[in-house]
Amino acid sequence: MYKIAKRFNSVSLRNILIIPFVIQIVCAVSVVGYLSFRAGQKAVADLANQLIDETSDRIEQKLEDYLATASLVNQINHDLIQTGNLDATDPERLGKHFWQQLQQFNAVDYIYFANESGGIVSVGRDPTHGFNIFPSLMALLVVILGVMPWTTLATLEHLLTSDKF
């Protein structure tokens, strides 16, 4: 007991008062810092989730609009051909009609029509040259190479030399 009392006598009153306050301040700052860090992490995670949700909603809306427009163009063309208002055997008239549709529907870049005998009419929007109407063979190459880039040269050669073409 005497040794403990002697030890306390050697410690100054200033140290006895300052050390507990410093410990309290360090603990308080540490707790507040930790809580702030956790709140910041949660806020960033919430913001990231909101951004992901908003981005996916926008993508979904744009995709729905695009697909609805493409479906509408297909339905219009189908109805016109079925009613006889558009002759599916006249490539020049089909090309002009598709060209008019491309001007009306900005979301659509290309419109293709293919018949059972292998004839294809294709009208496309080219960013450098405006609108293009492709003849049958050129349209086939554009369809195969543009829409199906994984098509090999052998597959293309087979399609071009096939009796069905």
Protein backbone atom coordinates (compact mmCIF):
# COMPACT_ATOMS: atom_id res chain seq x y z
CA MET A 1 0.00 0.00 0.00
CA TYR A 2 2.87 2.30 0.78
CA LYS A 3 4.31 1.81 -2.71
CA ILE A 4 1.02 2.72 -4.36
CA ALA A 5 0.70 5.91 -2.31
CA LYS A 6 4.27 6.82 -3.11
CA ARG A 7 3.58 6.36 -6.82
CA PHE A 8 0.55 8.69 -6.71
CA ASN A 9 2.62 11.29 -4.91
CA SER A 10 5.11 11.31 -7.78
CA VAL A 11 2.37 11.97 -10.39
CA SER A 12 1.50 15.62 -10.72
CA LEU A 13 -2.02 16.94 -10.35
CA ARG A 14 -1.86 18.30 -13.90
CA ASN A 15 -1.33 14.78 -15.31
CA ILE A 16 -4.10 13.37 -13.13
CA LEU A 17 -6.54 15.92 -14.57
CA ILE A 18 -5.34 15.97 -18.20
CA ILE A 19 -4.98 12.23 -18.93
CA PRO A 20 -8.65 11.27 -18.28
CA PHE A 21 -9.85 14.22 -20.38
CA VAL A 22 -7.52 13.28 -23.24
CA ILE A 23 -8.73 9.67 -23.06
CA GLN A 24 -12.37 10.83 -23.12
CA ILE A 25 -11.73 13.15 -26.07
CA VAL A 26 -9.88 10.45 -28.03
CA CYS A 27 -12.69 7.95 -27.36
CA ALA A 28 -15.40 10.47 -28.30
CA VAL A 29 -13.61 11.47 -31.50
CA SER A 30 -13.03 7.82 -32.40
CA VAL A 31 -16.68 6.89 -31.88
CA VAL A 32 -17.91 9.93 -33.84
CA GLY A 33 -15.41 9.23 -36.63
CA TYR A 34 -16.45 5.59 -36.84
CA LEU A 35 -20.15 6.47 -36.89
CA SER A 36 -19.53 9.12 -39.56
CA PHE A 37 -17.57 6.65 -41.65
CA ARG A 38 -20.35 4.05 -41.42
CA ALA A 39 -23.01 6.65 -42.27
CA GLY A 40 -20.92 7.77 -45.24
CA GLN A 41 -20.59 4.20 -46.46
CA LYS A 42 -24.33 3.70 -46.17
CA ALA A 43 -25.04 6.98 -47.99
CA VAL A 44 -22.68 6.04 -50.84
CA ALA A 45 -24.24 2.57 -51.10
CA ASP A 46 -27.76 4.06 -51.17
CA LEU A 47 -26.72 6.58 -53.81
CA ALA A 48 -25.10 3.86 -55.92
CA ASN A 49 -28.25 1.72 -55.68
CA GLN A 50 -30.41 4.69 -56.70
CA LEU A 51 -28.12 5.36 -59.67
CA ILE A 52 -28.22 1.71 -60.73
CA ASP A 53 -32.02 1.62 -60.42
CA GLU A 54 -32.44 4.86 -62.38
CA THR A 55 -30.03 3.72 -65.09
CA SER A 56 -31.72 0.34 -65.47
CA ASP A 57 -35.14 2.04 -65.59
CA ARG A 58 -33.94 4.38 -68.34
CA ILE A 59 -32.41 1.52 -70.32
CA GLU A 60 -35.58 -0.50 -69.94
CA GLN A 61 -37.73 2.43 -71.08
CA LYS A 62 -35.52 3.17 -74.10
CA LEU A 63 -35.48 -0.51 -75.05
CA GLU A 64 -39.26 -0.77 -74.72
CA ASP A 65 -39.69 2.35 -76.87
CA TYR A 66 -37.28 1.02 -79.48
CA LEU A 67 -38.88 -2.41 -79.61
CA ALA A 68 -42.38 -0.92 -79.69
CA THR A 69 -41.38 1.27 -82.64
CA ALA A 70 -39.82 -1.64 -84.53
CA SER A 71 -42.86 -3.79 -83.82
CA LEU A 72 -45.16 -0.99 -84.99
CA VAL A 73 -43.23 -0.60 -88.27
CA ASN A 74 -43.41 -4.37 -88.85
CA GLN A 75 -47.13 -4.43 -88.08
CA ILE A 76 -47.83 -1.48 -90.42
CA ASN A 77 -45.89 -3.13 -93.25
CA HIS A 78 -47.56 -6.48 -92.63
CA ASP A 79 -51.02 -4.88 -92.68
CA LEU A 80 -50.25 -2.91 -95.85
CA ILE A 81 -49.04 -6.04 -97.65
CA GLN A 82 -51.99 -8.14 -96.39
CA THR A 83 -54.55 -5.55 -97.54
CA GLY A 84 -52.85 -5.15 -100.91
CA ASN A 85 -51.93 -1.50 -100.38
CA LEU A 86 -48.23 -2.38 -100.66
CA ASP A 87 -47.00 -4.72 -103.39
CA ALA A 88 -44.41 -7.09 -101.93
CA THR A 89 -43.22 -8.00 -105.43
CA ASP A 90 -42.25 -4.43 -106.37
CA PRO A 91 -38.79 -3.77 -104.84
CA GLU A 92 -38.70 -0.15 -106.01
CA ARG A 93 -42.00 0.71 -104.35
CA LEU A 94 -41.01 -1.21 -101.22
CA GLY A 95 -37.74 0.73 -101.07
CA LYS A 96 -39.52 4.08 -101.40
CA HIS A 97 -42.06 3.07 -98.76
CA PHE A 98 -39.32 1.95 -96.36
CA TRP A 99 -37.44 5.20 -97.02
CA GLN A 100 -40.54 7.19 -96.02
CA GLN A 101 -40.91 5.10 -92.89
CA LEU A 102 -37.29 5.72 -91.90
CA GLN A 103 -37.99 9.44 -92.08
CA GLN A 104 -41.05 9.02 -89.86
CA PHE A 105 -39.51 6.70 -87.27
CA ASN A 106 -36.17 8.00 -86.00
CA ALA A 107 -35.66 5.02 -83.69
CA VAL A 108 -35.37 2.62 -86.63
CA ASP A 109 -32.12 2.55 -88.62
CA TYR A 110 -32.83 -0.23 -91.14
CA ILE A 111 -35.91 -1.85 -92.61
CA TYR A 112 -35.57 -5.14 -94.48
CA PHE A 113 -38.02 -7.22 -96.44
CA ALA A 114 -37.28 -10.71 -97.76
CA ASN A 115 -39.55 -12.94 -99.78
CA GLU A 116 -39.65 -16.71 -100.15
CA SER A 117 -37.69 -16.66 -103.41
CA GLY A 118 -34.70 -14.96 -101.78
CA GLY A 119 -35.32 -11.38 -102.86
CA ILE A 120 -34.43 -8.77 -100.28
CA VAL A 121 -35.15 -5.06 -100.17
CA SER A 122 -33.25 -3.09 -97.56
CA VAL A 123 -33.35 0.59 -96.70
CA GLY A 124 -30.98 1.94 -94.09
CA ARG A 125 -29.90 5.12 -92.43
CA ASP A 126 -26.18 5.67 -92.88
CA PRO A 127 -24.77 8.41 -90.61
CA THR A 128 -22.26 9.54 -93.24
CA HIS A 129 -24.31 9.27 -96.45
CA GLY A 130 -27.95 9.62 -95.37
CA PHE A 131 -30.42 6.98 -96.54
CA ASN A 132 -29.42 4.02 -98.70
CA ILE A 133 -31.59 1.60 -100.64
CA PHE A 134 -29.71 -1.65 -101.17
CA PRO A 135 -30.31 -4.01 -104.09
CA SER A 136 -31.05 -7.62 -103.28
CA LEU A 137 -27.54 -9.15 -103.12
CA MET A 138 -26.06 -6.15 -101.35
CA ALA A 139 -28.89 -6.24 -98.83
CA LEU A 140 -28.17 -9.88 -98.11
CA LEU A 141 -24.51 -9.12 -97.48
CA VAL A 142 -25.45 -6.22 -95.20
CA VAL A 143 -27.91 -8.39 -93.29
CA ILE A 144 -25.45 -11.25 -92.89
CA LEU A 145 -22.39 -9.18 -92.06
CA GLY A 146 -24.19 -6.40 -90.19
CA VAL A 147 -26.69 -8.29 -88.10
CA MET A 148 -24.77 -11.54 -87.74
CA PRO A 149 -21.10 -10.57 -87.43
CA TRP A 150 -20.22 -14.08 -86.28
CA THR A 151 -21.04 -15.45 -89.76
CA THR A 152 -17.96 -16.99 -91.30
CA LEU A 153 -16.86 -16.58 -94.89
CA ALA A 154 -17.63 -20.27 -95.52
CA THR A 155 -21.21 -19.78 -94.29
CA LEU A 156 -21.56 -16.71 -96.49
CA GLU A 157 -20.21 -18.59 -99.51
CA HIS A 158 -22.62 -21.45 -98.81
CA LEU A 159 -25.55 -19.03 -98.67
CA LEU A 160 -24.55 -17.33 -101.91
CA THR A 161 -24.08 -20.60 -103.82
CA SER A 162 -27.13 -22.33 -102.39
CA ASP A 163 -30.01 -23.22 -104.72
CA LYS A 164 -32.41 -21.62 -102.26
CA PHE A 165 -30.84 -18.22 -102.91
